[in-house]
């Protein structure tokens, strides 16, 4: 190489007032917005943006999809159009008019618009919810048995409207099929997070270290976490003072007992030296939690802090934590944000329609499609009926939404209550649309003749009308109707 250099000049490019045009691109599906009743996800905003672009000739629509079989796409398109024309949502239009098309034959994505399994769309009318679960179990076992092994193994899910329905399906399937069917209930794994229960056991011990029961529970947690050696915990817990603070006349302790005592004493020392609000985080670190568990413990500590803002005592903390553990209403943190556990092949995932958004499975079962659930009705709780035939919260929400959208004058109580009902109906139909479009090869739908009025008491069966979409689908797709005389019962 030579040391040759280009000559440097003072040449400058001319500066003009030219500005690049603004480009505003948004990608989304207004027909899958399922939180419209008072959140930033309200589809009205995206629809307004699309309308503005359309009037300017700048709207580009992505209307092809390769996920589902053609018959599933046709069913989803039909439901979208039928619901809009039905006017069941009153003044609300649940969907923006949209027709999804299959991808082109030369589309590069693998297995685009796959061949349907069975009829692709199957619609059942079981006699009750028990037969519904039986039909789901038999069909799932059959589908998994027919699927090839290895890379071609299939995934399946039951999409339910509420966690109570999911719990019922899981319990029934386990009773009927035992080990023949691998079942993963998403809500159960969330409810049974071990972090709150373990931290509660440790805090109860710190509050009352002289209690044999609390000491044993804390030692069981330490053994489970492999922080101390397995041993006779009953012998240690029977005499808490002798175990924690042995005297010179007490028999010598083994190395395993000494290790357990030192761990317990370090926890007790932290109880004396640390402020109350740091105890949960300290316990989480002491239990050697991983990043997901630590994040869950941090979320738990924040919730406890808010629940005990007026009383920071240990007893208040334990009471709040006990309520969380007993109610099973605490969702752990997923630090990795990994949803692949919901779509694993070879097992039947039971998940709510809301949580299923963004996921897909080869086979999707949607049971319990009754009018009382979808679209359902707004209910006035008995204790508040003296106010009138409306719920203040829903009325206020409808009025605030109208204000946000610049709709004046604001609706009166009766009109706001009616509008709240229309909003709920529209959102429920969008939720059903989301559930239907999760399926790749088979969409299984059913509405039992008998179902409970409330799913907290699933044995109280009553005659239930189907979701209005079901009769319409049966009429449009008669070959998809499966008569139970043709199936095993």
Foldseek 3Di string as FASTA:
>chain_A
DDPDDDDDDPDDDDDDPDDDDDDDDDDDFLLQQQPQLFDPSNSVVVVVVQVVCVVVVNHDDDQEFFFAAPVLLVLLLVLLVCQQVVCPLPPDRLHDNGRHHYDDPPDPDPCGNHAFDDVQEAEEAAQEVLVVLVVVLVVVLVVQVPFDDDPGFFWEEEAEADLLVLVVSVVSSCVVPPPSAFEAEPLVCFLPDCLLVLLLLLLVCLVPVQQLVSQLSNVVLCVVLVQAPDDDSNVCSVGRCCLQPNDPPDDDDDPRSVSVNVLSVVLNVCVVVPDLLCSLLVVCVSSVDDPQSSQQSVVVSVVLCVQQVVPSDSVSSSVVSVVSNVVSPGGGGDVVPDPVVQGDGRHYYYYYLVVCFPAATQEYEYEAQFVCVALRFDADDPVPCVVDRADPVQLVSQQVVCVVVVNPPGDDSVVSRSSSRSVSNSSSSSSVSSRSVRHHHHYYYYHYQWFDSDSVPGVRIDGTHGRVSSVVSCVVCVVSYDYCVVDDD
